[in-house]
Amino acid sequence: MVSSVSGSSNVLTSSSSSLIGTTTSTTANTTTAAGAATASSVLSNTTKKMSEIERQLAEFAEATAKSSKKAEAQSKIQVQTFEKEVRKSPYATNGAATDIGTLVKDTTRLNVYSAIKKDDKGDVFKFRVQNSGEAQMGLLGDPGLRVQVMSRFGAVVADSKEGLGSTSDNYAKLQKGELKLTSGDYYVKITNDGNTPAKDSKGATVSSKNYAIQLSMGVYRKDYDTVAQQPKAGDGMPQQSAASLELQSMLTAAQSYDTGLSGTAKLNNALFG
């Protein structure tokens, strides 16, 4: 009987060992599978990141080549510059917008130099696009400004404020010269962005913000500068100054002078002397 029980015990021990071995094997397989899945996920994410980096590098190279080609073509053109002075309307509406000219592909560039005070409702400028094309906008000025480009019906096409979806994306494209505008009338609205007031180097609040905007579509042969001065008490619609009337006569007579200044240099000179 003792021998029988001993034999039975041997069987149970053997069977138990077999079960333990099976459990260990299953755990090892599970661990191996989990490790393989993690490695695969890491590899996939790495591949995606590398692809995104490659895409960004390709876009940068393309943009650089495009910019260089444009700069080379521009350097061979003698540019004619026209200037006018106007007094802005105190009303920040499309109906009271200051006209800055017509944007013609590979022909004109439109420049505006002005400022808004702390409590101003903003400035609105009107321009026309003659033919569809990729437009570019440059902006220089004091911090704390918001720029919006609107269609003739008042719909916002591009907005410098971040986080607004397609209009914010369109503004980024506009800065790079990649936003396609169809022919028609457009408005540019400049306002205070509503954030913490800008401070100067001494910590004092800036009460007036200078700015310059520049619109182009490809290369340009004619530069149109608009100096928009502050409205006077009682002003309504934008008034034409003597300089503006003189400009009209000059345009009619096709008189002009050449300039070799780049866009950035022109804007910087206008703002900072």
C-alpha atoms as a PDB file:
ATOM      1  CA  MET A   1       0.000   0.000   0.000  1.00  0.00           C
ATOM      2  CA  VAL A   2       2.818   2.353   0.858  1.00  0.00           C
ATOM      3  CA  SER A   3       4.510   1.549  -2.443  1.00  0.00           C
ATOM      4  CA  SER A   4       1.253   2.204  -4.279  1.00  0.00           C
ATOM      5  CA  VAL A   5       0.763   5.559  -2.629  1.00  0.00           C
ATOM      6  CA  SER A   6       4.350   6.435  -3.384  1.00  0.00           C
ATOM      7  CA  GLY A   7       3.827   5.604  -7.048  1.00  0.00           C
ATOM      8  CA  SER A   8       0.691   7.642  -7.135  1.00  0.00           C
ATOM      9  CA  SER A   9       2.563  10.514  -5.567  1.00  0.00           C
ATOM     10  CA  ASN A  10       5.208  10.262  -8.268  1.00  0.00           C
ATOM     11  CA  VAL A  11       2.538  10.527 -10.924  1.00  0.00           C
ATOM     12  CA  LEU A  12       0.999  13.616  -9.348  1.00  0.00           C
ATOM     13  CA  THR A  13       4.416  15.258  -9.037  1.00  0.00           C
ATOM     14  CA  SER A  14       5.202  14.559 -12.649  1.00  0.00           C
ATOM     15  CA  SER A  15       1.845  15.879 -13.791  1.00  0.00           C
ATOM     16  CA  SER A  16       2.244  19.014 -11.685  1.00  0.00           C
ATOM     17  CA  SER A  17       5.657  19.684 -13.212  1.00  0.00           C
ATOM     18  CA  SER A  18       4.157  19.372 -16.649  1.00  0.00           C
ATOM     19  CA  LEU A  19       1.511  22.019 -15.868  1.00  0.00           C
ATOM     20  CA  ILE A  20       4.091  24.437 -14.451  1.00  0.00           C
ATOM     21  CA  GLY A  21       6.166  24.071 -17.569  1.00  0.00           C
ATOM     22  CA  THR A  22       3.178  24.854 -19.756  1.00  0.00           C
ATOM     23  CA  THR A  23       2.342  27.996 -17.764  1.00  0.00           C
ATOM     24  CA  THR A  24       5.920  29.270 -17.955  1.00  0.00           C
ATOM     25  CA  SER A  25       6.005  28.698 -21.697  1.00  0.00           C
ATOM     26  CA  THR A  26       2.722  30.587 -22.211  1.00  0.00           C
ATOM     27  CA  THR A  27       3.946  33.570 -20.160  1.00  0.00           C
ATOM     28  CA  ALA A  28       7.167  33.708 -22.138  1.00  0.00           C
ATOM     29  CA  ASN A  29       5.260  33.666 -25.404  1.00  0.00           C
ATOM     30  CA  THR A  30       2.956  36.449 -24.186  1.00  0.00           C
ATOM     31  CA  THR A  31       5.918  38.571 -23.096  1.00  0.00           C
ATOM     32  CA  THR A  32       7.631  38.017 -26.435  1.00  0.00           C
ATOM     33  CA  ALA A  33       4.470  39.002 -28.345  1.00  0.00           C
ATOM     34  CA  ALA A  34       4.015  42.158 -26.250  1.00  0.00           C
ATOM     35  CA  GLY A  35       7.643  43.118 -26.807  1.00  0.00           C
ATOM     36  CA  ALA A  36       7.322  42.578 -30.539  1.00  0.00           C
ATOM     37  CA  ALA A  37       4.150  44.719 -30.651  1.00  0.00           C
ATOM     38  CA  THR A  38       5.862  47.527 -28.733  1.00  0.00           C
ATOM     39  CA  ALA A  39       8.898  47.381 -30.979  1.00  0.00           C
ATOM     40  CA  SER A  40       6.658  47.439 -34.042  1.00  0.00           C
ATOM     41  CA  SER A  41       4.769  50.470 -32.687  1.00  0.00           C
ATOM     42  CA  VAL A  42       8.001  52.326 -31.935  1.00  0.00           C
ATOM     43  CA  LEU A  43       9.326  51.524 -35.398  1.00  0.00           C
ATOM     44  CA  SER A  44       6.091  52.694 -36.999  1.00  0.00           C
ATOM     45  CA  ASN A  45       6.138  55.994 -35.073  1.00  0.00           C
ATOM     46  CA  THR A  46       9.796  56.512 -35.926  1.00  0.00           C
ATOM     47  CA  THR A  47       9.072  55.865 -39.595  1.00  0.00           C
ATOM     48  CA  LYS A  48       6.214  58.387 -39.521  1.00  0.00           C
ATOM     49  CA  LYS A  49       8.410  61.016 -37.856  1.00  0.00           C
ATOM     50  CA  MET A  50      11.171  60.435 -40.397  1.00  0.00           C
ATOM     51  CA  SER A  51       8.676  60.758 -43.230  1.00  0.00           C
ATOM     52  CA  GLU A  52       7.382  64.033 -41.763  1.00  0.00           C
ATOM     53  CA  ILE A  53      10.927  65.378 -41.401  1.00  0.00           C
ATOM     54  CA  GLU A  54      11.689  64.392 -45.004  1.00  0.00           C
ATOM     55  CA  ARG A  55       8.498  66.118 -46.145  1.00  0.00           C
ATOM     56  CA  GLN A  56       9.385  69.299 -44.255  1.00  0.00           C
ATOM     57  CA  LEU A  57      12.917  69.287 -45.644  1.00  0.00           C
ATOM     58  CA  ALA A  58      11.569  68.818 -49.158  1.00  0.00           C
ATOM     59  CA  GLU A  59       9.132  71.720 -48.684  1.00  0.00           C
ATOM     60  CA  PHE A  60      11.909  73.916 -47.296  1.00  0.00           C
ATOM     61  CA  ALA A  61      14.181  73.077 -50.220  1.00  0.00           C
ATOM     62  CA  GLU A  62      11.377  73.797 -52.691  1.00  0.00           C
ATOM     63  CA  ALA A  63      10.516  77.096 -50.988  1.00  0.00           C
ATOM     64  CA  THR A  64      14.177  78.115 -50.899  1.00  0.00           C
ATOM     65  CA  ALA A  65      14.636  77.308 -54.579  1.00  0.00           C
ATOM     66  CA  LYS A  66      11.446  79.176 -55.450  1.00  0.00           C
ATOM     67  CA  SER A  67      12.526  82.192 -53.398  1.00  0.00           C
ATOM     68  CA  SER A  68      15.992  82.210 -54.971  1.00  0.00           C
ATOM     69  CA  LYS A  69      14.544  81.977 -58.457  1.00  0.00           C
ATOM     70  CA  LYS A  70      12.149  84.824 -57.721  1.00  0.00           C
ATOM     71  CA  ALA A  71      14.926  86.962 -56.230  1.00  0.00           C
ATOM     72  CA  GLU A  72      17.114  86.343 -59.272  1.00  0.00           C
ATOM     73  CA  ALA A  73      14.323  87.317 -61.651  1.00  0.00           C
ATOM     74  CA  GLN A  74      13.505  90.397 -59.562  1.00  0.00           C
ATOM     75  CA  SER A  75      17.116  91.579 -59.555  1.00  0.00           C
ATOM     76  CA  LYS A  76      16.995  91.948 -63.344  1.00  0.00           C
ATOM     77  CA  ILE A  77      13.998  94.286 -63.285  1.00  0.00           C
ATOM     78  CA  GLN A  78      14.146  98.068 -63.055  1.00  0.00           C
ATOM     79  CA  VAL A  79      11.388  98.987 -60.648  1.00  0.00           C
ATOM     80  CA  GLN A  80       9.283 102.127 -60.957  1.00  0.00           C
ATOM     81  CA  THR A  81       8.018 103.565 -57.662  1.00  0.00           C
ATOM     82  CA  PHE A  82       4.928 105.731 -57.133  1.00  0.00           C
ATOM     83  CA  GLU A  83       3.970 107.363 -53.847  1.00  0.00           C
ATOM     84  CA  LYS A  84       0.832 108.952 -52.449  1.00  0.00           C
ATOM     85  CA  GLU A  85      -0.409 110.248 -49.113  1.00  0.00           C
ATOM     86  CA  VAL A  86      -3.981 109.874 -47.882  1.00  0.00           C
ATOM     87  CA  ARG A  87      -5.811 110.579 -44.666  1.00  0.00           C
ATOM     88  CA  LYS A  88      -7.572 107.539 -43.245  1.00  0.00           C
ATOM     89  CA  SER A  89     -11.223 107.400 -42.298  1.00  0.00           C
ATOM     90  CA  PRO A  90     -11.953 107.064 -38.574  1.00  0.00           C
ATOM     91  CA  TYR A  91     -14.349 104.230 -39.393  1.00  0.00           C
ATOM     92  CA  ALA A  92     -12.901 100.715 -39.526  1.00  0.00           C
ATOM     93  CA  THR A  93     -15.402  99.469 -42.098  1.00  0.00           C
ATOM     94  CA  ASN A  94     -15.093  98.134 -45.619  1.00  0.00           C
ATOM     95  CA  GLY A  95     -17.256 100.985 -46.895  1.00  0.00           C
ATOM     96  CA  ALA A  96     -14.764 103.527 -45.549  1.00  0.00           C
ATOM     97  CA  ALA A  97     -11.653 101.580 -46.628  1.00  0.00           C
ATOM     98  CA  THR A  98      -8.600 103.358 -48.011  1.00  0.00           C
ATOM     99  CA  ASP A  99      -7.902 102.250 -51.572  1.00  0.00           C
ATOM    100  CA  ILE A 100      -4.284 101.152 -52.110  1.00  0.00           C
ATOM    101  CA  GLY A 101      -4.452  99.995 -55.733  1.00  0.00           C
ATOM    102  CA  THR A 102      -4.593  96.917 -57.926  1.00  0.00           C
ATOM    103  CA  LEU A 103      -2.469  93.815 -57.475  1.00  0.00           C
ATOM    104  CA  VAL A 104      -1.371  92.634 -60.907  1.00  0.00           C
ATOM    105  CA  LYS A 105       0.603  89.408 -61.178  1.00  0.00           C
ATOM    106  CA  ASP A 106       4.273  89.942 -62.047  1.00  0.00           C
ATOM    107  CA  THR A 107       3.631  93.667 -62.370  1.00  0.00           C
ATOM    108  CA  THR A 108       2.662  95.566 -59.198  1.00  0.00           C
ATOM    109  CA  ARG A 109       3.531  95.565 -55.514  1.00  0.00           C
ATOM    110  CA  LEU A 110       1.370  97.453 -53.004  1.00  0.00           C
ATOM    111  CA  ASN A 111       2.908  98.984 -49.863  1.00  0.00           C
ATOM    112  CA  VAL A 112       1.138 100.697 -46.970  1.00  0.00           C
ATOM    113  CA  TYR A 113       2.738 102.646 -44.115  1.00  0.00           C
ATOM    114  CA  SER A 114       0.633 103.735 -41.172  1.00  0.00           C
ATOM    115  CA  ALA A 115      -0.075 103.415 -37.437  1.00  0.00           C
ATOM    116  CA  ILE A 116      -2.977 102.790 -35.094  1.00  0.00           C
ATOM    117  CA  LYS A 117      -3.441 104.270 -31.654  1.00  0.00           C
ATOM    118  CA  LYS A 118      -4.324 102.303 -28.545  1.00  0.00           C
ATOM    119  CA  ASP A 119      -8.057 103.033 -28.713  1.00  0.00           C
ATOM    120  CA  ASP A 120      -8.437 102.970 -32.504  1.00  0.00           C
ATOM    121  CA  LYS A 121     -11.044 100.670 -33.970  1.00  0.00           C
ATOM    122  CA  GLY A 122      -8.513  99.737 -36.637  1.00  0.00           C
ATOM    123  CA  ASP A 123      -7.571 100.494 -40.230  1.00  0.00           C
ATOM    124  CA  VAL A 124      -9.112  99.001 -43.362  1.00  0.00           C
ATOM    125  CA  PHE A 125      -7.473  99.038 -46.801  1.00  0.00           C
ATOM    126  CA  LYS A 126      -8.977  97.937 -50.097  1.00  0.00           C
ATOM    127  CA  PHE A 127      -7.127  96.371 -53.003  1.00  0.00           C
ATOM    128  CA  ARG A 128      -8.133  94.614 -56.188  1.00  0.00           C
ATOM    129  CA  VAL A 129      -6.688  91.423 -57.631  1.00  0.00           C
ATOM    130  CA  GLN A 130      -6.684  91.595 -61.422  1.00  0.00           C
ATOM    131  CA  ASN A 131      -5.993  87.938 -62.170  1.00  0.00           C
ATOM    132  CA  SER A 132      -5.974  84.850 -59.976  1.00  0.00           C
ATOM    133  CA  GLY A 133      -2.614  83.897 -58.535  1.00  0.00           C
ATOM    134  CA  GLU A 134      -0.576  83.157 -55.419  1.00  0.00           C
ATOM    135  CA  ALA A 135      -0.309  86.285 -53.313  1.00  0.00           C
ATOM    136  CA  GLN A 136       2.210  87.145 -50.627  1.00  0.00           C
ATOM    137  CA  MET A 137       1.949  89.552 -47.720  1.00  0.00           C
ATOM    138  CA  GLY A 138       4.822  90.984 -45.695  1.00  0.00           C
ATOM    139  CA  LEU A 139       4.249  92.671 -42.341  1.00  0.00           C
ATOM    140  CA  LEU A 140       6.615  94.729 -40.216  1.00  0.00           C
ATOM    141  CA  GLY A 141       5.720  96.739 -37.158  1.00  0.00           C
ATOM    142  CA  ASP A 142       5.248  96.896 -33.431  1.00  0.00           C
ATOM    143  CA  PRO A 143       3.993  93.784 -31.615  1.00  0.00           C
ATOM    144  CA  GLY A 144       0.343  93.318 -30.744  1.00  0.00           C
ATOM    145  CA  LEU A 145      -1.232  93.742 -34.170  1.00  0.00           C
ATOM    146  CA  ARG A 146      -3.842  91.528 -35.786  1.00  0.00           C
ATOM    147  CA  VAL A 147      -4.162  91.291 -39.565  1.00  0.00           C
ATOM    148  CA  GLN A 148      -7.206  89.992 -41.418  1.00  0.00           C
ATOM    149  CA  VAL A 149      -7.774  89.674 -45.140  1.00  0.00           C
ATOM    150  CA  MET A 150     -11.435  89.679 -46.172  1.00  0.00           C
ATOM    151  CA  SER A 151     -13.352  89.113 -49.386  1.00  0.00           C
ATOM    152  CA  ARG A 152     -15.557  91.801 -50.908  1.00  0.00           C
ATOM    153  CA  PHE A 153     -18.478  90.298 -48.969  1.00  0.00           C
ATOM    154  CA  GLY A 154     -16.700  90.556 -45.619  1.00  0.00           C
ATOM    155  CA  ALA A 155     -15.806  86.879 -45.219  1.00  0.00           C
ATOM    156  CA  VAL A 156     -12.434  86.401 -43.498  1.00  0.00           C
ATOM    157  CA  VAL A 157     -10.009  84.716 -45.897  1.00  0.00           C
ATOM    158  CA  ALA A 158      -6.870  84.850 -43.744  1.00  0.00           C
ATOM    159  CA  ASP A 159      -6.271  85.779 -40.096  1.00  0.00           C
ATOM    160  CA  SER A 160      -2.990  86.301 -38.240  1.00  0.00           C
ATOM    161  CA  LYS A 161      -4.586  85.106 -34.994  1.00  0.00           C
ATOM    162  CA  GLU A 162      -3.526  81.522 -34.304  1.00  0.00           C
ATOM    163  CA  GLY A 163      -5.850  78.609 -33.642  1.00  0.00           C
ATOM    164  CA  LEU A 164      -8.664  79.628 -35.992  1.00  0.00           C
ATOM    165  CA  GLY A 165      -8.356  76.707 -38.381  1.00  0.00           C
ATOM    166  CA  SER A 166      -8.334  77.366 -42.111  1.00  0.00           C
ATOM    167  CA  THR A 167      -8.102  81.167 -41.826  1.00  0.00           C
ATOM    168  CA  SER A 168      -4.983  80.869 -39.634  1.00  0.00           C
ATOM    169  CA  ASP A 169      -3.539  78.336 -42.084  1.00  0.00           C
ATOM    170  CA  ASN A 170      -4.293  80.676 -44.978  1.00  0.00           C
ATOM    171  CA  TYR A 171      -2.424  83.510 -43.263  1.00  0.00           C
ATOM    172  CA  ALA A 172       0.642  81.279 -42.942  1.00  0.00           C
ATOM    173  CA  LYS A 173       0.345  80.508 -46.670  1.00  0.00           C
ATOM    174  CA  LEU A 174      -0.047  84.203 -47.434  1.00  0.00           C
ATOM    175  CA  GLN A 175       3.200  84.968 -45.623  1.00  0.00           C
ATOM    176  CA  LYS A 176       4.989  82.377 -47.752  1.00  0.00           C
ATOM    177  CA  GLY A 177       3.403  83.506 -51.016  1.00  0.00           C
ATOM    178  CA  GLU A 178       1.310  80.371 -51.393  1.00  0.00           C
ATOM    179  CA  LEU A 179      -2.255  81.624 -50.903  1.00  0.00           C
ATOM    180  CA  LYS A 180      -4.230  81.730 -54.133  1.00  0.00           C
ATOM    181  CA  LEU A 181      -6.513  84.721 -54.476  1.00  0.00           C
ATOM    182  CA  THR A 182      -9.075  84.867 -57.247  1.00  0.00           C
ATOM    183  CA  SER A 183      -9.725  88.102 -59.112  1.00  0.00           C
ATOM    184  CA  GLY A 184     -11.882  90.636 -57.314  1.00  0.00           C
ATOM    185  CA  ASP A 185     -11.882  93.091 -54.411  1.00  0.00           C
ATOM    186  CA  TYR A 186     -10.293  92.371 -51.031  1.00  0.00           C
ATOM    187  CA  TYR A 187      -9.840  94.212 -47.756  1.00  0.00           C
ATOM    188  CA  VAL A 188      -6.994  94.187 -45.237  1.00  0.00           C
ATOM    189  CA  LYS A 189      -7.984  95.064 -41.674  1.00  0.00           C
ATOM    190  CA  ILE A 190      -5.350  96.016 -39.065  1.00  0.00           C
ATOM    191  CA  THR A 191      -6.405  96.081 -35.401  1.00  0.00           C
ATOM    192  CA  ASN A 192      -4.947  95.725 -31.937  1.00  0.00           C
ATOM    193  CA  ASP A 193      -4.893  92.026 -31.095  1.00  0.00           C
ATOM    194  CA  GLY A 194      -6.468  92.516 -27.664  1.00  0.00           C
ATOM    195  CA  ASN A 195      -3.638  90.855 -25.776  1.00  0.00           C
ATOM    196  CA  THR A 196      -1.445  92.396 -23.086  1.00  0.00           C
ATOM    197  CA  PRO A 197      -0.451  95.927 -24.215  1.00  0.00           C
ATOM    198  CA  ALA A 198       2.958  96.064 -25.859  1.00  0.00           C
ATOM    199  CA  LYS A 199       5.746  97.666 -23.845  1.00  0.00           C
ATOM    200  CA  ASP A 200       8.683  99.657 -25.073  1.00  0.00           C
ATOM    201  CA  SER A 201      12.293  99.110 -23.962  1.00  0.00           C
ATOM    202  CA  LYS A 202      11.660 101.190 -20.826  1.00  0.00           C
ATOM    203  CA  GLY A 203       8.545  99.244 -19.877  1.00  0.00           C
ATOM    204  CA  ALA A 204       6.096 101.981 -20.851  1.00  0.00           C
ATOM    205  CA  THR A 205       2.884 101.016 -22.649  1.00  0.00           C
ATOM    206  CA  VAL A 206       3.019 101.696 -26.398  1.00  0.00           C
ATOM    207  CA  SER A 207       0.127 104.032 -27.224  1.00  0.00           C
ATOM    208  CA  SER A 208       0.680 104.025 -30.994  1.00  0.00           C
ATOM    209  CA  LYS A 209       1.734 101.036 -33.089  1.00  0.00           C
ATOM    210  CA  ASN A 210       3.530 101.621 -36.375  1.00  0.00           C
ATOM    211  CA  TYR A 211       3.233  99.078 -39.152  1.00  0.00           C
ATOM    212  CA  ALA A 212       3.901  98.494 -42.812  1.00  0.00           C
ATOM    213  CA  ILE A 213       2.236  95.900 -45.017  1.00  0.00           C
ATOM    214  CA  GLN A 214       3.289  94.745 -48.458  1.00  0.00           C
ATOM    215  CA  LEU A 215       1.321  92.792 -51.045  1.00  0.00           C
ATOM    216  CA  SER A 216       2.768  91.150 -54.135  1.00  0.00           C
ATOM    217  CA  MET A 217       2.036  88.389 -56.605  1.00  0.00           C
ATOM    218  CA  GLY A 218       5.218  87.069 -58.179  1.00  0.00           C
ATOM    219  CA  VAL A 219       7.834  89.598 -59.292  1.00  0.00           C
ATOM    220  CA  TYR A 220       6.953  93.271 -59.672  1.00  0.00           C
ATOM    221  CA  ARG A 221       7.845  96.149 -61.962  1.00  0.00           C
ATOM    222  CA  LYS A 222       5.878  98.930 -60.296  1.00  0.00           C
ATOM    223  CA  ASP A 223       5.883  99.778 -56.598  1.00  0.00           C
ATOM    224  CA  TYR A 224       2.886 101.682 -55.213  1.00  0.00           C
ATOM    225  CA  ASP A 225       3.474 103.250 -51.794  1.00  0.00           C
ATOM    226  CA  THR A 226       0.559 104.556 -49.741  1.00  0.00           C
ATOM    227  CA  VAL A 227       1.284 106.625 -46.634  1.00  0.00           C
ATOM    228  CA  ALA A 228      -1.940 106.562 -44.617  1.00  0.00           C
ATOM    229  CA  GLN A 229      -2.054 109.370 -42.069  1.00  0.00           C
ATOM    230  CA  GLN A 230      -4.302 109.643 -39.024  1.00  0.00           C
ATOM    231  CA  PRO A 231      -7.771 111.126 -39.555  1.00  0.00           C
ATOM    232  CA  LYS A 232      -8.634 114.595 -38.324  1.00  0.00           C
ATOM    233  CA  ALA A 233     -11.631 115.479 -36.211  1.00  0.00           C
ATOM    234  CA  GLY A 234     -14.715 115.479 -38.384  1.00  0.00           C
ATOM    235  CA  ASP A 235     -13.172 113.343 -41.111  1.00  0.00           C
ATOM    236  CA  GLY A 236     -15.382 110.747 -42.753  1.00  0.00           C
ATOM    237  CA  MET A 237     -14.387 108.960 -45.917  1.00  0.00           C
ATOM    238  CA  PRO A 238     -10.655 108.931 -46.768  1.00  0.00           C
ATOM    239  CA  GLN A 239      -9.551 112.271 -48.183  1.00  0.00           C
ATOM    240  CA  GLN A 240      -7.056 112.726 -50.968  1.00  0.00           C
ATOM    241  CA  SER A 241      -4.131 114.974 -50.126  1.00  0.00           C
ATOM    242  CA  ALA A 242      -2.307 117.295 -52.506  1.00  0.00           C
ATOM    243  CA  ALA A 243       0.383 114.615 -52.790  1.00  0.00           C
ATOM    244  CA  SER A 244      -2.264 112.089 -53.771  1.00  0.00           C
ATOM    245  CA  LEU A 245      -3.606 114.365 -56.499  1.00  0.00           C
ATOM    246  CA  GLU A 246      -0.068 114.956 -57.702  1.00  0.00           C
ATOM    247  CA  LEU A 247       0.437 111.186 -57.822  1.00  0.00           C
ATOM    248  CA  GLN A 248      -2.579 110.817 -60.067  1.00  0.00           C
ATOM    249  CA  SER A 249      -1.117 113.374 -62.468  1.00  0.00           C
ATOM    250  CA  MET A 250       2.218 111.596 -62.333  1.00  0.00           C
ATOM    251  CA  LEU A 251       0.598 108.243 -63.103  1.00  0.00           C
ATOM    252  CA  THR A 252      -1.223 109.770 -66.034  1.00  0.00           C
ATOM    253  CA  ALA A 253       2.039 111.125 -67.375  1.00  0.00           C
ATOM    254  CA  ALA A 254       3.779 107.809 -66.619  1.00  0.00           C
ATOM    255  CA  GLN A 255       6.514 109.572 -64.683  1.00  0.00           C
ATOM    256  CA  SER A 256       8.374 107.602 -62.032  1.00  0.00           C
ATOM    257  CA  TYR A 257      11.742 106.926 -60.485  1.00  0.00           C
ATOM    258  CA  ASP A 258      13.678 103.713 -60.080  1.00  0.00           C
ATOM    259  CA  THR A 259      14.515 101.996 -56.842  1.00  0.00           C
ATOM    260  CA  GLY A 260      16.686  99.010 -56.017  1.00  0.00           C
ATOM    261  CA  LEU A 261      15.396  98.500 -52.482  1.00  0.00           C
ATOM    262  CA  SER A 262      14.178  95.063 -51.496  1.00  0.00           C
ATOM    263  CA  GLY A 263      10.772  94.726 -49.873  1.00  0.00           C
ATOM    264  CA  THR A 264      12.221  94.272 -46.398  1.00  0.00           C
ATOM    265  CA  ALA A 265      14.556  97.240 -46.777  1.00  0.00           C
ATOM    266  CA  LYS A 266      11.707  99.432 -48.013  1.00  0.00           C
ATOM    267  CA  LEU A 267       9.468  98.509 -45.095  1.00  0.00           C
ATOM    268  CA  ASN A 268      12.259  98.897 -42.552  1.00  0.00           C
ATOM    269  CA  ASN A 269      13.213 102.313 -43.918  1.00  0.00           C
ATOM    270  CA  ALA A 270       9.610 103.452 -43.788  1.00  0.00           C
ATOM    271  CA  LEU A 271       9.197 102.383 -40.164  1.00  0.00           C
ATOM    272  CA  PHE A 272      12.594 102.993 -38.648  1.00  0.00           C
ATOM    273  CA  GLY A 273      14.260 105.552 -40.947  1.00  0.00           C
END
